[in-house]
Structure formats: structure tokens, C-alpha cells
Amino acid sequence: TSKIRPVSSKQIVEKVAKYYQLSTKEMCGKSRVSHIKTARQVAMFLLSKELNLSTNKIAAEVGVKDHTTVMHGVKKIESDLRLNFTLRDQIEEIKEKIYG
């Protein structure tokens, strides 16, 4: 994918939240509800892959306590992507919305 224009972490967080029909406040909150947690992990994954942010910076962006949560979230999405084609499509769609 060609990165046409620079994208801010805020834009990524907003686009992911919107895609999953959540407010950024909900997504970056403390909720452990599965679909919210997934959205948050997708945001972590994209912040990591697209912006190469540090885990500490990502933690601050998505409202999690520490960087190990981010490492876990990114790893979880990476491993899910191997088998979960729906998730793969969702992430592609989100990227299109970010860069489109």
C-alpha cells in the first residue's frame, strides 16, 4: 500500500472507532467487551504497523495502562490475521478509509 499522505495517530484511532461503530471514548475506555477489545487491538496494530509508534505511545493513544497490553494486542491481531480472513478484510477496509 502506498502511503499517500501522512496520517496522525488520532486519525487512525478515530477511523477504527468509527468502523466498529464506537465512539473513540468507548474504544479507548476500560471495557473488556469482546468487540470493543478487538477494535482497540486493531487500533494498536495499525498504530504500530502504519506509524511505527512505540508501545508506550500507543498505550497512551488507546487508553491502556501499559505497553505490555499493547504488545499483546498487536501480537493477537497478527496471529488472528493468519486465519481470520474477515479480520484481514476489515483491516484493509479501515486502511482504505484512513488513506482513501
Protein backbone atom coordinates (compact mmCIF):
# COMPACT_ATOMS: atom_id res chain seq x y z
CA THR A 1 0.00 0.00 0.00
CA SER A 2 1.33 3.41 -0.87
CA LYS A 3 1.24 5.91 1.92
CA ILE A 4 -0.02 8.96 0.08
CA ARG A 5 -0.31 11.40 2.93
CA PRO A 6 0.90 11.43 6.48
CA VAL A 7 -1.69 10.20 8.92
CA SER A 8 -1.93 11.07 12.59
CA SER A 9 -2.45 8.56 15.36
CA LYS A 10 -5.65 10.43 16.22
CA GLN A 11 -6.99 9.82 12.69
CA ILE A 12 -6.25 6.10 12.94
CA VAL A 13 -7.96 5.83 16.33
CA GLU A 14 -11.00 7.76 15.04
CA LYS A 15 -11.30 5.71 11.84
CA VAL A 16 -11.06 2.40 13.70
CA ALA A 17 -13.65 3.50 16.26
CA LYS A 18 -15.98 4.71 13.53
CA TYR A 19 -15.53 1.49 11.55
CA TYR A 20 -16.61 -0.56 14.56
CA GLN A 21 -19.40 1.91 15.32
CA LEU A 22 -17.90 3.00 18.62
CA SER A 23 -17.03 6.40 19.96
CA THR A 24 -13.31 6.93 20.47
CA LYS A 25 -14.18 7.30 24.14
CA GLU A 26 -15.75 3.82 24.22
CA MET A 27 -12.93 2.25 22.28
CA CYS A 28 -10.25 3.85 24.41
CA GLY A 29 -12.08 3.13 27.64
CA LYS A 30 -11.72 0.29 30.09
CA SER A 31 -14.30 -2.01 28.51
CA ARG A 32 -13.40 -5.66 28.12
CA VAL A 33 -16.41 -6.41 25.90
CA SER A 34 -15.08 -8.52 23.08
CA HIS A 35 -15.96 -6.32 20.09
CA ILE A 36 -14.62 -3.21 21.84
CA LYS A 37 -11.45 -5.02 22.82
CA THR A 38 -10.98 -6.18 19.24
CA ALA A 39 -11.44 -2.64 17.93
CA ARG A 40 -8.87 -1.40 20.43
CA GLN A 41 -6.42 -4.12 19.39
CA VAL A 42 -6.93 -3.30 15.72
CA ALA A 43 -6.15 0.33 16.52
CA MET A 44 -2.99 -0.75 18.38
CA PHE A 45 -1.99 -2.94 15.45
CA LEU A 46 -2.45 -0.14 12.91
CA LEU A 47 -0.66 2.43 15.08
CA SER A 48 2.23 0.00 15.34
CA LYS A 49 2.34 -1.06 11.67
CA GLU A 50 1.40 2.18 9.95
CA LEU A 51 3.09 4.74 12.19
CA ASN A 52 5.78 2.65 13.89
CA LEU A 53 4.83 4.20 17.21
CA SER A 54 6.42 2.94 20.40
CA THR A 55 4.29 0.68 22.56
CA ASN A 56 4.24 3.38 25.26
CA LYS A 57 2.94 5.97 22.81
CA ILE A 58 0.31 3.52 21.52
CA ALA A 59 -0.77 2.75 25.10
CA ALA A 60 -1.33 6.47 25.66
CA GLU A 61 -3.27 6.81 22.38
CA VAL A 62 -5.70 3.97 23.05
CA GLY A 63 -6.06 4.43 26.79
CA VAL A 64 -4.47 1.23 28.07
CA LYS A 65 -2.35 1.19 31.19
CA ASP A 66 0.92 -0.15 29.92
CA HIS A 67 2.93 -1.16 26.92
CA THR A 68 2.67 -4.91 27.57
CA THR A 69 -1.07 -4.69 26.86
CA VAL A 70 -0.16 -3.11 23.53
CA MET A 71 2.40 -5.81 22.74
CA HIS A 72 -0.21 -8.45 23.50
CA GLY A 73 -2.86 -6.68 21.41
CA VAL A 74 -0.59 -6.31 18.37
CA LYS A 75 0.55 -9.95 18.62
CA LYS A 76 -3.04 -11.10 18.97
CA ILE A 77 -4.10 -9.30 15.79
CA GLU A 78 -1.01 -10.56 13.93
CA SER A 79 -1.79 -14.16 14.83
CA ASP A 80 -5.52 -13.74 14.16
CA LEU A 81 -4.75 -12.35 10.71
CA ARG A 82 -3.19 -15.65 9.66
CA LEU A 83 -6.50 -17.47 9.93
CA ASN A 84 -9.20 -14.84 10.18
CA PHE A 85 -9.93 -13.57 6.68
CA THR A 86 -12.80 -11.42 7.89
CA LEU A 87 -10.41 -9.53 10.14
CA ARG A 88 -7.98 -9.23 7.24
CA ASP A 89 -10.71 -7.65 5.11
CA GLN A 90 -11.74 -5.34 7.93
CA ILE A 91 -8.20 -4.06 8.36
CA GLU A 92 -7.88 -3.49 4.61
CA GLU A 93 -11.17 -1.57 4.64
CA ILE A 94 -10.02 0.55 7.58
CA LYS A 95 -6.74 1.30 5.80
CA GLU A 96 -8.71 2.41 2.74
CA LYS A 97 -10.73 4.74 4.95
CA ILE A 98 -7.53 6.08 6.51
CA TYR A 99 -5.64 6.61 3.27
CA GLY A 100 -8.53 6.77 0.81
